[in-house]
Amino acid sequence: MKSSDFKNLRVWQHSMAICKDIYKILRLLPIEERFALADQIRRSTISVPSNIAEGQRRGSDKEFLHFLSISRGSLAELHTQLLLCVDLEYVPEAEMTPIINELEEIDKMLNGLMQSISRLL
C-alpha cells in the first residue's frame, strides 16, 4: 500500500494545509492561553501530518496503520481543543466551522486509508 512518497498522499497534504489555518487561528487566543492551550493545539496539529509521514516511511503496512491510528487520535484531540476555543469564546464559531469541517474530512480520509491498508494485512 506504500506510496513512493508521503507528500503524495492527499491526507498528508490536507493535514499540512490545515496546520497553516490553525496557526492563523491561534493568533486570536488571549495572551494567557498562548502558552497553555495554544501549545497543546500546536502539538496536536503537527502530530497529524507528522505521524502520517513517519508511518509511511516505516517498513510495513502494519506499522503504517499504527501511525495512522495515532494521527486519528491527534485529530480527535485537536478537534476537542478547537471546540473548547469556541466554547470559551476565544474564536468565533463562524471562523472555526470551516476548520472543523476540514478536520472531519481528514478523519474520513484517514479512516479510508486505514481500511484500505487493513484489507492488505
PDB file of N, CA and C in Angstrom:
ATOM      1  N   MET A   1       0.830  -1.204   0.000  1.00  0.00           N
ATOM      2  CA  MET A   1       0.000   0.000   0.000  1.00  0.00           C
ATOM      3  C   MET A   1       0.862   1.250   0.000  1.00  0.00           C
ATOM      4  N   LYS A   2       2.119   1.077   0.224  1.00  0.00           N
ATOM      5  CA  LYS A   2       3.015   2.216   0.362  1.00  0.00           C
ATOM      6  C   LYS A   2       3.076   3.038  -0.925  1.00  0.00           C
ATOM      7  N   SER A   3       2.886   4.320  -0.763  1.00  0.00           N
ATOM      8  CA  SER A   3       3.112   5.264  -1.837  1.00  0.00           C
ATOM      9  C   SER A   3       4.610   5.548  -1.870  1.00  0.00           C
ATOM     10  N   SER A   4       5.105   6.038  -2.978  1.00  0.00           N
ATOM     11  CA  SER A   4       6.540   6.287  -3.061  1.00  0.00           C
ATOM     12  C   SER A   4       6.977   7.436  -2.156  1.00  0.00           C
ATOM     13  N   ASP A   5       6.074   8.318  -1.805  1.00  0.00           N
ATOM     14  CA  ASP A   5       6.434   9.487  -1.000  1.00  0.00           C
ATOM     15  C   ASP A   5       5.213   9.964  -0.225  1.00  0.00           C
ATOM     16  N   PHE A   6       5.374  10.180   1.065  1.00  0.00           N
ATOM     17  CA  PHE A   6       4.254  10.637   1.890  1.00  0.00           C
ATOM     18  C   PHE A   6       3.667  11.947   1.389  1.00  0.00           C
ATOM     19  N   LYS A   7       4.485  12.772   0.726  1.00  0.00           N
ATOM     20  CA  LYS A   7       3.987  14.067   0.239  1.00  0.00           C
ATOM     21  C   LYS A   7       2.957  13.907  -0.871  1.00  0.00           C
ATOM     22  N   ASN A   8       2.878  12.719  -1.463  1.00  0.00           N
ATOM     23  CA  ASN A   8       1.877  12.450  -2.493  1.00  0.00           C
ATOM     24  C   ASN A   8       0.530  12.037  -1.923  1.00  0.00           C
ATOM     25  N   LEU A   9       0.480  11.757  -0.643  1.00  0.00           N
ATOM     26  CA  LEU A   9      -0.768  11.334  -0.016  1.00  0.00           C
ATOM     27  C   LEU A   9      -1.678  12.545   0.198  1.00  0.00           C
ATOM     28  N   ARG A  10      -2.893  12.458  -0.315  1.00  0.00           N
ATOM     29  CA  ARG A  10      -3.855  13.564  -0.178  1.00  0.00           C
ATOM     30  C   ARG A  10      -4.107  13.904   1.293  1.00  0.00           C
ATOM     31  N   VAL A  11      -4.195  12.886   2.130  1.00  0.00           N
ATOM     32  CA  VAL A  11      -4.470  13.119   3.542  1.00  0.00           C
ATOM     33  C   VAL A  11      -3.324  13.894   4.195  1.00  0.00           C
ATOM     34  N   TRP A  12      -2.097  13.622   3.795  1.00  0.00           N
ATOM     35  CA  TRP A  12      -0.958  14.376   4.319  1.00  0.00           C
ATOM     36  C   TRP A  12      -1.029  15.825   3.838  1.00  0.00           C
ATOM     37  N   GLN A  13      -1.343  16.022   2.565  1.00  0.00           N
ATOM     38  CA  GLN A  13      -1.442  17.377   2.004  1.00  0.00           C
ATOM     39  C   GLN A  13      -2.521  18.195   2.716  1.00  0.00           C
ATOM     40  N   HIS A  14      -3.677  17.574   2.954  1.00  0.00           N
ATOM     41  CA  HIS A  14      -4.761  18.278   3.664  1.00  0.00           C
ATOM     42  C   HIS A  14      -4.363  18.575   5.110  1.00  0.00           C
ATOM     43  N   SER A  15      -3.668  17.637   5.726  1.00  0.00           N
ATOM     44  CA  SER A  15      -3.230  17.838   7.109  1.00  0.00           C
ATOM     45  C   SER A  15      -2.234  18.983   7.219  1.00  0.00           C
ATOM     46  N   MET A  16      -1.354  19.084   6.252  1.00  0.00           N
ATOM     47  CA  MET A  16      -0.397  20.199   6.244  1.00  0.00           C
ATOM     48  C   MET A  16      -1.116  21.536   6.041  1.00  0.00           C
ATOM     49  N   ALA A  17      -2.077  21.548   5.147  1.00  0.00           N
ATOM     50  CA  ALA A  17      -2.816  22.787   4.875  1.00  0.00           C
ATOM     51  C   ALA A  17      -3.589  23.249   6.111  1.00  0.00           C
ATOM     52  N   ILE A  18      -4.199  22.314   6.813  1.00  0.00           N
ATOM     53  CA  ILE A  18      -4.973  22.697   7.999  1.00  0.00           C
ATOM     54  C   ILE A  18      -4.060  23.216   9.105  1.00  0.00           C
ATOM     55  N   CYS A  19      -2.829  22.721   9.163  1.00  0.00           N
ATOM     56  CA  CYS A  19      -1.862  23.245  10.148  1.00  0.00           C
ATOM     57  C   CYS A  19      -1.693  24.753   9.976  1.00  0.00           C
ATOM     58  N   LYS A  20      -1.555  25.175   8.743  1.00  0.00           N
ATOM     59  CA  LYS A  20      -1.371  26.611   8.474  1.00  0.00           C
ATOM     60  C   LYS A  20      -2.587  27.404   8.924  1.00  0.00           C
ATOM     61  N   ASP A  21      -3.787  26.867   8.637  1.00  0.00           N
ATOM     62  CA  ASP A  21      -5.015  27.564   9.048  1.00  0.00           C
ATOM     63  C   ASP A  21      -5.125  27.651  10.566  1.00  0.00           C
ATOM     64  N   ILE A  22      -4.748  26.593  11.239  1.00  0.00           N
ATOM     65  CA  ILE A  22      -4.850  26.580  12.700  1.00  0.00           C
ATOM     66  C   ILE A  22      -3.830  27.532  13.318  1.00  0.00           C
ATOM     67  N   TYR A  23      -2.655  27.597  12.755  1.00  0.00           N
ATOM     68  CA  TYR A  23      -1.661  28.550  13.283  1.00  0.00           C
ATOM     69  C   TYR A  23      -2.181  29.984  13.177  1.00  0.00           C
ATOM     70  N   LYS A  24      -2.923  30.289  12.122  1.00  0.00           N
ATOM     71  CA  LYS A  24      -3.523  31.627  11.984  1.00  0.00           C
ATOM     72  C   LYS A  24      -4.581  31.852  13.061  1.00  0.00           C
ATOM     73  N   ILE A  25      -5.377  30.832  13.339  1.00  0.00           N
ATOM     74  CA  ILE A  25      -6.422  30.931  14.360  1.00  0.00           C
ATOM     75  C   ILE A  25      -5.815  31.159  15.747  1.00  0.00           C
ATOM     76  N   LEU A  26      -4.667  30.550  15.998  1.00  0.00           N
ATOM     77  CA  LEU A  26      -4.044  30.674  17.322  1.00  0.00           C
ATOM     78  C   LEU A  26      -3.707  32.114  17.673  1.00  0.00           C
ATOM     79  N   ARG A  27      -3.545  32.944  16.673  1.00  0.00           N
ATOM     80  CA  ARG A  27      -3.266  34.368  16.933  1.00  0.00           C
ATOM     81  C   ARG A  27      -4.443  35.069  17.616  1.00  0.00           C
ATOM     82  N   LEU A  28      -5.632  34.450  17.525  1.00  0.00           N
ATOM     83  CA  LEU A  28      -6.825  35.044  18.133  1.00  0.00           C
ATOM     84  C   LEU A  28      -6.948  34.730  19.625  1.00  0.00           C
ATOM     85  N   LEU A  29      -6.181  33.767  20.096  1.00  0.00           N
ATOM     86  CA  LEU A  29      -6.291  33.392  21.507  1.00  0.00           C
ATOM     87  C   LEU A  29      -5.741  34.504  22.400  1.00  0.00           C
ATOM     88  N   PRO A  30      -6.327  34.638  23.583  1.00  0.00           N
ATOM     89  CA  PRO A  30      -5.808  35.642  24.519  1.00  0.00           C
ATOM     90  C   PRO A  30      -4.386  35.288  24.951  1.00  0.00           C
ATOM     91  N   ILE A  31      -3.657  36.287  25.347  1.00  0.00           N
ATOM     92  CA  ILE A  31      -2.252  36.126  25.706  1.00  0.00           C
ATOM     93  C   ILE A  31      -2.050  35.049  26.770  1.00  0.00           C
ATOM     94  N   GLU A  32      -2.985  34.950  27.715  1.00  0.00           N
ATOM     95  CA  GLU A  32      -2.820  33.967  28.794  1.00  0.00           C
ATOM     96  C   GLU A  32      -2.948  32.517  28.297  1.00  0.00           C
ATOM     97  N   GLU A  33      -3.475  32.325  27.115  1.00  0.00           N
ATOM     98  CA  GLU A  33      -3.616  30.974  26.548  1.00  0.00           C
ATOM     99  C   GLU A  33      -2.521  30.637  25.533  1.00  0.00           C
ATOM    100  N   ARG A  34      -1.676  31.572  25.225  1.00  0.00           N
ATOM    101  CA  ARG A  34      -0.671  31.338  24.187  1.00  0.00           C
ATOM    102  C   ARG A  34       0.363  30.289  24.575  1.00  0.00           C
ATOM    103  N   PHE A  35       0.497  30.016  25.858  1.00  0.00           N
ATOM    104  CA  PHE A  35       1.490  29.029  26.283  1.00  0.00           C
ATOM    105  C   PHE A  35       0.855  27.785  26.877  1.00  0.00           C
ATOM    106  N   ALA A  36      -0.447  27.755  26.994  1.00  0.00           N
ATOM    107  CA  ALA A  36      -1.126  26.582  27.553  1.00  0.00           C
ATOM    108  C   ALA A  36      -1.916  25.898  26.440  1.00  0.00           C
ATOM    109  N   LEU A  37      -3.119  26.365  26.224  1.00  0.00           N
ATOM    110  CA  LEU A  37      -3.985  25.764  25.213  1.00  0.00           C
ATOM    111  C   LEU A  37      -3.362  25.847  23.821  1.00  0.00           C
ATOM    112  N   ALA A  38      -2.790  26.984  23.490  1.00  0.00           N
ATOM    113  CA  ALA A  38      -2.187  27.147  22.162  1.00  0.00           C
ATOM    114  C   ALA A  38      -1.053  26.160  21.934  1.00  0.00           C
ATOM    115  N   ASP A  39      -0.250  25.948  22.959  1.00  0.00           N
ATOM    116  CA  ASP A  39       0.843  24.981  22.854  1.00  0.00           C
ATOM    117  C   ASP A  39       0.323  23.573  22.593  1.00  0.00           C
ATOM    118  N   GLN A  40      -0.710  23.202  23.309  1.00  0.00           N
ATOM    119  CA  GLN A  40      -1.304  21.870  23.138  1.00  0.00           C
ATOM    120  C   GLN A  40      -1.910  21.729  21.744  1.00  0.00           C
ATOM    121  N   ILE A  41      -2.545  22.779  21.261  1.00  0.00           N
ATOM    122  CA  ILE A  41      -3.129  22.752  19.912  1.00  0.00           C
ATOM    123  C   ILE A  41      -2.028  22.598  18.867  1.00  0.00           C
ATOM    124  N   ARG A  42      -0.939  23.315  19.047  1.00  0.00           N
ATOM    125  CA  ARG A  42       0.187  23.188  18.101  1.00  0.00           C
ATOM    126  C   ARG A  42       0.703  21.750  18.054  1.00  0.00           C
ATOM    127  N   ARG A  43       0.866  21.148  19.212  1.00  0.00           N
ATOM    128  CA  ARG A  43       1.374  19.766  19.258  1.00  0.00           C
ATOM    129  C   ARG A  43       0.414  18.809  18.561  1.00  0.00           C
ATOM    130  N   SER A  44      -0.876  18.949  18.833  1.00  0.00           N
ATOM    131  CA  SER A  44      -1.869  18.078  18.198  1.00  0.00           C
ATOM    132  C   SER A  44      -1.890  18.277  16.687  1.00  0.00           C
ATOM    133  N   THR A  45      -1.845  19.536  16.272  1.00  0.00           N
ATOM    134  CA  THR A  45      -1.896  19.870  14.848  1.00  0.00           C
ATOM    135  C   THR A  45      -0.722  19.263  14.104  1.00  0.00           C
ATOM    136  N   ILE A  46       0.450  19.457  14.629  1.00  0.00           N
ATOM    137  CA  ILE A  46       1.668  18.975  13.976  1.00  0.00           C
ATOM    138  C   ILE A  46       1.739  17.456  13.982  1.00  0.00           C
ATOM    139  N   SER A  47       1.160  16.845  14.998  1.00  0.00           N
ATOM    140  CA  SER A  47       1.201  15.390  15.129  1.00  0.00           C
ATOM    141  C   SER A  47       0.492  14.676  13.984  1.00  0.00           C
ATOM    142  N   VAL A  48      -0.549  15.272  13.445  1.00  0.00           N
ATOM    143  CA  VAL A  48      -1.335  14.587  12.410  1.00  0.00           C
ATOM    144  C   VAL A  48      -0.487  14.312  11.165  1.00  0.00           C
ATOM    145  N   PRO A  49       0.036  15.340  10.461  1.00  0.00           N
ATOM    146  CA  PRO A  49       0.836  15.030   9.268  1.00  0.00           C
ATOM    147  C   PRO A  49       2.166  14.361   9.605  1.00  0.00           C
ATOM    148  N   SER A  50       2.714  14.650  10.776  1.00  0.00           N
ATOM    149  CA  SER A  50       3.995  14.044  11.165  1.00  0.00           C
ATOM    150  C   SER A  50       3.874  12.529  11.289  1.00  0.00           C
ATOM    151  N   ASN A  51       2.804  12.068  11.906  1.00  0.00           N
ATOM    152  CA  ASN A  51       2.617  10.630  12.061  1.00  0.00           C
ATOM    153  C   ASN A  51       2.258   9.951  10.744  1.00  0.00           C
ATOM    154  N   ILE A  52       1.558  10.651   9.876  1.00  0.00           N
ATOM    155  CA  ILE A  52       1.291  10.101   8.535  1.00  0.00           C
ATOM    156  C   ILE A  52       2.623   9.895   7.819  1.00  0.00           C
ATOM    157  N   ALA A  53       3.469  10.904   7.866  1.00  0.00           N
ATOM    158  CA  ALA A  53       4.769  10.828   7.188  1.00  0.00           C
ATOM    159  C   ALA A  53       5.643   9.736   7.788  1.00  0.00           C
ATOM    160  N   GLU A  54       5.731   9.704   9.110  1.00  0.00           N
ATOM    161  CA  GLU A  54       6.580   8.700   9.746  1.00  0.00           C
ATOM    162  C   GLU A  54       6.078   7.291   9.447  1.00  0.00           C
ATOM    163  N   GLY A  55       4.769   7.100   9.554  1.00  0.00           N
ATOM    164  CA  GLY A  55       4.206   5.779   9.291  1.00  0.00           C
ATOM    165  C   GLY A  55       4.429   5.318   7.865  1.00  0.00           C
ATOM    166  N   GLN A  56       4.314   6.247   6.922  1.00  0.00           N
ATOM    167  CA  GLN A  56       4.512   5.890   5.514  1.00  0.00           C
ATOM    168  C   GLN A  56       5.943   5.439   5.267  1.00  0.00           C
ATOM    169  N   ARG A  57       6.881   6.008   5.998  1.00  0.00           N
ATOM    170  CA  ARG A  57       8.291   5.674   5.816  1.00  0.00           C
ATOM    171  C   ARG A  57       8.732   4.449   6.606  1.00  0.00           C
ATOM    172  N   ARG A  58       7.858   3.911   7.423  1.00  0.00           N
ATOM    173  CA  ARG A  58       8.192   2.709   8.176  1.00  0.00           C
ATOM    174  C   ARG A  58       8.232   1.508   7.239  1.00  0.00           C
ATOM    175  N   GLY A  59       8.676   0.402   7.754  1.00  0.00           N
ATOM    176  CA  GLY A  59       8.935  -0.758   6.914  1.00  0.00           C
ATOM    177  C   GLY A  59       7.747  -1.625   6.552  1.00  0.00           C
ATOM    178  N   SER A  60       6.592  -1.388   7.157  1.00  0.00           N
ATOM    179  CA  SER A  60       5.488  -2.299   6.871  1.00  0.00           C
ATOM    180  C   SER A  60       4.147  -1.575   6.910  1.00  0.00           C
ATOM    181  N   ASP A  61       3.174  -2.216   6.260  1.00  0.00           N
ATOM    182  CA  ASP A  61       1.818  -1.672   6.289  1.00  0.00           C
ATOM    183  C   ASP A  61       1.248  -1.702   7.702  1.00  0.00           C
ATOM    184  N   LYS A  62       1.636  -2.709   8.490  1.00  0.00           N
ATOM    185  CA  LYS A  62       1.161  -2.800   9.873  1.00  0.00           C
ATOM    186  C   LYS A  62       1.627  -1.586  10.678  1.00  0.00           C
ATOM    187  N   GLU A  63       2.888  -1.210  10.502  1.00  0.00           N
ATOM    188  CA  GLU A  63       3.394  -0.017  11.201  1.00  0.00           C
ATOM    189  C   GLU A  63       2.718   1.247  10.680  1.00  0.00           C
ATOM    190  N   PHE A  64       2.509   1.327   9.364  1.00  0.00           N
ATOM    191  CA  PHE A  64       1.835   2.483   8.770  1.00  0.00           C
ATOM    192  C   PHE A  64       0.450   2.626   9.392  1.00  0.00           C
ATOM    193  N   LEU A  65      -0.260   1.521   9.501  1.00  0.00           N
ATOM    194  CA  LEU A  65      -1.590   1.523  10.095  1.00  0.00           C
ATOM    195  C   LEU A  65      -1.541   2.042  11.534  1.00  0.00           C
ATOM    196  N   HIS A  66      -0.541   1.621  12.283  1.00  0.00           N
ATOM    197  CA  HIS A  66      -0.378   2.079  13.669  1.00  0.00           C
ATOM    198  C   HIS A  66      -0.203   3.604  13.719  1.00  0.00           C
ATOM    199  N   PHE A  67       0.631   4.143  12.862  1.00  0.00           N
ATOM    200  CA  PHE A  67       0.871   5.589  12.875  1.00  0.00           C
ATOM    201  C   PHE A  67      -0.338   6.370  12.370  1.00  0.00           C
ATOM    202  N   LEU A  68      -1.095   5.795  11.452  1.00  0.00           N
ATOM    203  CA  LEU A  68      -2.336   6.445  11.016  1.00  0.00           C
ATOM    204  C   LEU A  68      -3.332   6.489  12.170  1.00  0.00           C
ATOM    205  N   SER A  69      -3.331   5.455  12.981  1.00  0.00           N
ATOM    206  CA  SER A  69      -4.187   5.433  14.164  1.00  0.00           C
ATOM    207  C   SER A  69      -3.795   6.541  15.142  1.00  0.00           C
ATOM    208  N   ILE A  70      -2.509   6.741  15.309  1.00  0.00           N
ATOM    209  CA  ILE A  70      -2.037   7.833  16.168  1.00  0.00           C
ATOM    210  C   ILE A  70      -2.475   9.177  15.595  1.00  0.00           C
ATOM    211  N   SER A  71      -2.399   9.328  14.277  1.00  0.00           N
ATOM    212  CA  SER A  71      -2.849  10.571  13.623  1.00  0.00           C
ATOM    213  C   SER A  71      -4.325  10.825  13.896  1.00  0.00           C
ATOM    214  N   ARG A  72      -5.118   9.767  13.821  1.00  0.00           N
ATOM    215  CA  ARG A  72      -6.562   9.921  14.096  1.00  0.00           C
ATOM    216  C   ARG A  72      -6.782  10.346  15.542  1.00  0.00           C
ATOM    217  N   GLY A  73      -6.006   9.796  16.466  1.00  0.00           N
ATOM    218  CA  GLY A  73      -6.119  10.199  17.866  1.00  0.00           C
ATOM    219  C   GLY A  73      -5.758  11.662  18.056  1.00  0.00           C
ATOM    220  N   SER A  74      -4.691  12.090  17.406  1.00  0.00           N
ATOM    221  CA  SER A  74      -4.283  13.501  17.489  1.00  0.00           C
ATOM    222  C   SER A  74      -5.331  14.403  16.868  1.00  0.00           C
ATOM    223  N   LEU A  75      -5.959  13.932  15.812  1.00  0.00           N
ATOM    224  CA  LEU A  75      -7.013  14.701  15.155  1.00  0.00           C
ATOM    225  C   LEU A  75      -8.208  14.888  16.088  1.00  0.00           C
ATOM    226  N   ALA A  76      -8.571  13.831  16.808  1.00  0.00           N
ATOM    227  CA  ALA A  76      -9.683  13.926  17.770  1.00  0.00           C
ATOM    228  C   ALA A  76      -9.329  14.876  18.911  1.00  0.00           C
ATOM    229  N   GLU A  77      -8.088  14.793  19.365  1.00  0.00           N
ATOM    230  CA  GLU A  77      -7.610  15.703  20.407  1.00  0.00           C
ATOM    231  C   GLU A  77      -7.691  17.155  19.918  1.00  0.00           C
ATOM    232  N   LEU A  78      -7.221  17.391  18.717  1.00  0.00           N
ATOM    233  CA  LEU A  78      -7.254  18.724  18.116  1.00  0.00           C
ATOM    234  C   LEU A  78      -8.686  19.226  17.978  1.00  0.00           C
ATOM    235  N   HIS A  79      -9.571  18.371  17.491  1.00  0.00           N
ATOM    236  CA  HIS A  79     -10.973  18.736  17.329  1.00  0.00           C
ATOM    237  C   HIS A  79     -11.553  19.198  18.674  1.00  0.00           C
ATOM    238  N   THR A  80     -11.269  18.452  19.724  1.00  0.00           N
ATOM    239  CA  THR A  80     -11.739  18.788  21.069  1.00  0.00           C
ATOM    240  C   THR A  80     -11.205  20.149  21.517  1.00  0.00           C
ATOM    241  N   GLN A  81      -9.932  20.383  21.294  1.00  0.00           N
ATOM    242  CA  GLN A  81      -9.311  21.644  21.715  1.00  0.00           C
ATOM    243  C   GLN A  81      -9.904  22.836  20.958  1.00  0.00           C
ATOM    244  N   LEU A  82     -10.174  22.646  19.671  1.00  0.00           N
ATOM    245  CA  LEU A  82     -10.753  23.743  18.889  1.00  0.00           C
ATOM    246  C   LEU A  82     -12.193  24.023  19.307  1.00  0.00           C
ATOM    247  N   LEU A  83     -12.933  22.969  19.644  1.00  0.00           N
ATOM    248  CA  LEU A  83     -14.288  23.181  20.162  1.00  0.00           C
ATOM    249  C   LEU A  83     -14.240  23.943  21.483  1.00  0.00           C
ATOM    250  N   LEU A  84     -13.245  23.661  22.303  1.00  0.00           N
ATOM    251  CA  LEU A  84     -13.075  24.385  23.556  1.00  0.00           C
ATOM    252  C   LEU A  84     -12.811  25.870  23.294  1.00  0.00           C
ATOM    253  N   CYS A  85     -12.019  26.165  22.273  1.00  0.00           N
ATOM    254  CA  CYS A  85     -11.758  27.575  21.914  1.00  0.00           C
ATOM    255  C   CYS A  85     -13.044  28.310  21.572  1.00  0.00           C
ATOM    256  N   VAL A  86     -13.954  27.631  20.909  1.00  0.00           N
ATOM    257  CA  VAL A  86     -15.255  28.231  20.583  1.00  0.00           C
ATOM    258  C   VAL A  86     -16.090  28.367  21.850  1.00  0.00           C
ATOM    259  N   ASP A  87     -16.145  27.309  22.645  1.00  0.00           N
ATOM    260  CA  ASP A  87     -16.939  27.341  23.883  1.00  0.00           C
ATOM    261  C   ASP A  87     -16.473  28.442  24.834  1.00  0.00           C
ATOM    262  N   LEU A  88     -15.170  28.687  24.870  1.00  0.00           N
ATOM    263  CA  LEU A  88     -14.619  29.733  25.738  1.00  0.00           C
ATOM    264  C   LEU A  88     -14.695  31.115  25.089  1.00  0.00           C
ATOM    265  N   GLU A  89     -15.248  31.146  23.882  1.00  0.00           N
ATOM    266  CA  GLU A  89     -15.436  32.383  23.099  1.00  0.00           C
ATOM    267  C   GLU A  89     -14.120  33.059  22.757  1.00  0.00           C
ATOM    268  N   TYR A  90     -13.071  32.242  22.561  1.00  0.00           N
ATOM    269  CA  TYR A  90     -11.788  32.765  22.102  1.00  0.00           C
ATOM    270  C   TYR A  90     -11.788  32.966  20.596  1.00  0.00           C
ATOM    271  N   VAL A  91     -12.516  32.109  19.906  1.00  0.00           N
ATOM    272  CA  VAL A  91     -12.590  32.157  18.439  1.00  0.00           C
ATOM    273  C   VAL A  91     -14.064  32.067  18.057  1.00  0.00           C
ATOM    274  N   PRO A  92     -14.522  32.958  17.171  1.00  0.00           N
ATOM    275  CA  PRO A  92     -15.925  32.891  16.754  1.00  0.00           C
ATOM    276  C   PRO A  92     -16.235  31.564  16.047  1.00  0.00           C
ATOM    277  N   GLU A  93     -17.402  31.029  16.334  1.00  0.00           N
ATOM    278  CA  GLU A  93     -17.809  29.757  15.746  1.00  0.00           C
ATOM    279  C   GLU A  93     -17.771  29.798  14.219  1.00  0.00           C
ATOM    280  N   ALA A  94     -18.186  30.922  13.648  1.00  0.00           N
ATOM    281  CA  ALA A  94     -18.197  31.053  12.186  1.00  0.00           C
ATOM    282  C   ALA A  94     -16.797  30.919  11.596  1.00  0.00           C
ATOM    283  N   GLU A  95     -15.808  31.358  12.330  1.00  0.00           N
ATOM    284  CA  GLU A  95     -14.422  31.255  11.876  1.00  0.00           C
ATOM    285  C   GLU A  95     -13.871  29.844  12.038  1.00  0.00           C
ATOM    286  N   MET A  96     -14.383  29.135  13.037  1.00  0.00           N
ATOM    287  CA  MET A  96     -13.886  27.794  13.324  1.00  0.00           C
ATOM    288  C   MET A  96     -14.587  26.720  12.490  1.00  0.00           C
ATOM    289  N   THR A  97     -15.812  26.960  12.075  1.00  0.00           N
ATOM    290  CA  THR A  97     -16.598  25.945  11.369  1.00  0.00           C
ATOM    291  C   THR A  97     -15.899  25.370  10.141  1.00  0.00           C
ATOM    292  N   PRO A  98     -15.313  26.188   9.255  1.00  0.00           N
ATOM    293  CA  PRO A  98     -14.633  25.581   8.093  1.00  0.00           C
ATOM    294  C   PRO A  98     -13.450  24.699   8.491  1.00  0.00           C
ATOM    295  N   ILE A  99     -12.773  25.057   9.554  1.00  0.00           N
ATOM    296  CA  ILE A  99     -11.636  24.259  10.025  1.00  0.00           C
ATOM    297  C   ILE A  99     -12.137  22.934  10.594  1.00  0.00           C
ATOM    298  N   ILE A 100     -13.181  22.986  11.386  1.00  0.00           N
ATOM    299  CA  ILE A 100     -13.770  21.767  11.958  1.00  0.00           C
ATOM    300  C   ILE A 100     -14.250  20.855  10.828  1.00  0.00           C
ATOM    301  N   ASN A 101     -14.879  21.433   9.816  1.00  0.00           N
ATOM    302  CA  ASN A 101     -15.341  20.639   8.676  1.00  0.00           C
ATOM    303  C   ASN A 101     -14.174  19.958   7.967  1.00  0.00           C
ATOM    304  N   GLU A 102     -13.066  20.661   7.828  1.00  0.00           N
ATOM    305  CA  GLU A 102     -11.887  20.074   7.193  1.00  0.00           C
ATOM    306  C   GLU A 102     -11.301  18.960   8.054  1.00  0.00           C
ATOM    307  N   LEU A 103     -11.315  19.134   9.376  1.00  0.00           N
ATOM    308  CA  LEU A 103     -10.851  18.067  10.270  1.00  0.00           C
ATOM    309  C   LEU A 103     -11.685  16.805  10.069  1.00  0.00           C
ATOM    310  N   GLU A 104     -12.983  16.977   9.910  1.00  0.00           N
ATOM    311  CA  GLU A 104     -13.858  15.825   9.689  1.00  0.00           C
ATOM    312  C   GLU A 104     -13.544  15.147   8.354  1.00  0.00           C
ATOM    313  N   GLU A 105     -13.199  15.928   7.337  1.00  0.00           N
ATOM    314  CA  GLU A 105     -12.805  15.357   6.044  1.00  0.00           C
ATOM    315  C   GLU A 105     -11.492  14.595   6.160  1.00  0.00           C
ATOM    316  N   ILE A 106     -10.549  15.164   6.877  1.00  0.00           N
ATOM    317  CA  ILE A 106      -9.263  14.487   7.095  1.00  0.00           C
ATOM    318  C   ILE A 106      -9.487  13.176   7.832  1.00  0.00           C
ATOM    319  N   ASP A 107     -10.372  13.180   8.818  1.00  0.00           N
ATOM    320  CA  ASP A 107     -10.679  11.958   9.552  1.00  0.00           C
ATOM    321  C   ASP A 107     -11.242  10.893   8.612  1.00  0.00           C
ATOM    322  N   LYS A 108     -12.120  11.288   7.718  1.00  0.00           N
ATOM    323  CA  LYS A 108     -12.678  10.336   6.746  1.00  0.00           C
ATOM    324  C   LYS A 108     -11.580   9.791   5.834  1.00  0.00           C
ATOM    325  N   MET A 109     -10.657  10.656   5.420  1.00  0.00           N
ATOM    326  CA  MET A 109      -9.548  10.201   4.572  1.00  0.00           C
ATOM    327  C   MET A 109      -8.660   9.213   5.321  1.00  0.00           C
ATOM    328  N   LEU A 110      -8.342   9.545   6.570  1.00  0.00           N
ATOM    329  CA  LEU A 110      -7.524   8.640   7.379  1.00  0.00           C
ATOM    330  C   LEU A 110      -8.223   7.293   7.552  1.00  0.00           C
ATOM    331  N   ASN A 111      -9.501   7.336   7.856  1.00  0.00           N
ATOM    332  CA  ASN A 111     -10.269   6.116   8.050  1.00  0.00           C
ATOM    333  C   ASN A 111     -10.273   5.275   6.764  1.00  0.00           C
ATOM    334  N   GLY A 112     -10.478   5.917   5.634  1.00  0.00           N
ATOM    335  CA  GLY A 112     -10.480   5.207   4.358  1.00  0.00           C
ATOM    336  C   GLY A 112      -9.131   4.576   4.045  1.00  0.00           C
ATOM    337  N   LEU A 113      -8.067   5.319   4.306  1.00  0.00           N
ATOM    338  CA  LEU A 113      -6.724   4.796   4.067  1.00  0.00           C
ATOM    339  C   LEU A 113      -6.453   3.615   4.996  1.00  0.00           C
ATOM    340  N   MET A 114      -6.880   3.735   6.242  1.00  0.00           N
ATOM    341  CA  MET A 114      -6.688   2.642   7.191  1.00  0.00           C
ATOM    342  C   MET A 114      -7.456   1.389   6.761  1.00  0.00           C
ATOM    343  N   GLN A 115      -8.661   1.562   6.265  1.00  0.00           N
ATOM    344  CA  GLN A 115      -9.440   0.416   5.788  1.00  0.00           C
ATOM    345  C   GLN A 115      -8.758  -0.242   4.592  1.00  0.00           C
ATOM    346  N   SER A 116      -8.230   0.562   3.686  1.00  0.00           N
ATOM    347  CA  SER A 116      -7.523   0.022   2.515  1.00  0.00           C
ATOM    348  C   SER A 116      -6.308  -0.789   2.927  1.00  0.00           C
ATOM    349  N   ILE A 117      -5.549  -0.261   3.869  1.00  0.00           N
ATOM    350  CA  ILE A 117      -4.357  -0.958   4.341  1.00  0.00           C
ATOM    351  C   ILE A 117      -4.745  -2.230   5.095  1.00  0.00           C
ATOM    352  N   SER A 118      -5.789  -2.158   5.903  1.00  0.00           N
ATOM    353  CA  SER A 118      -6.244  -3.324   6.678  1.00  0.00           C
ATOM    354  C   SER A 118      -6.603  -4.490   5.762  1.00  0.00           C
ATOM    355  N   ARG A 119      -7.173  -4.202   4.614  1.00  0.00           N
ATOM    356  CA  ARG A 119      -7.528  -5.260   3.673  1.00  0.00           C
ATOM    357  C   ARG A 119      -6.305  -5.998   3.137  1.00  0.00           C
ATOM    358  N   LEU A 120      -5.160  -5.333   3.167  1.00  0.00           N
ATOM    359  CA  LEU A 120      -3.933  -5.947   2.656  1.00  0.00           C
ATOM    360  C   LEU A 120      -3.240  -6.826   3.695  1.00  0.00           C
ATOM    361  N   LEU A 121      -3.632  -6.669   4.945  1.00  0.00           N
ATOM    362  CA  LEU A 121      -2.948  -7.424   6.023  1.00  0.00           C
ATOM    363  C   LEU A 121      -3.513  -8.827   6.157  1.00  0.00           C
TER     364      LEU A 121
END
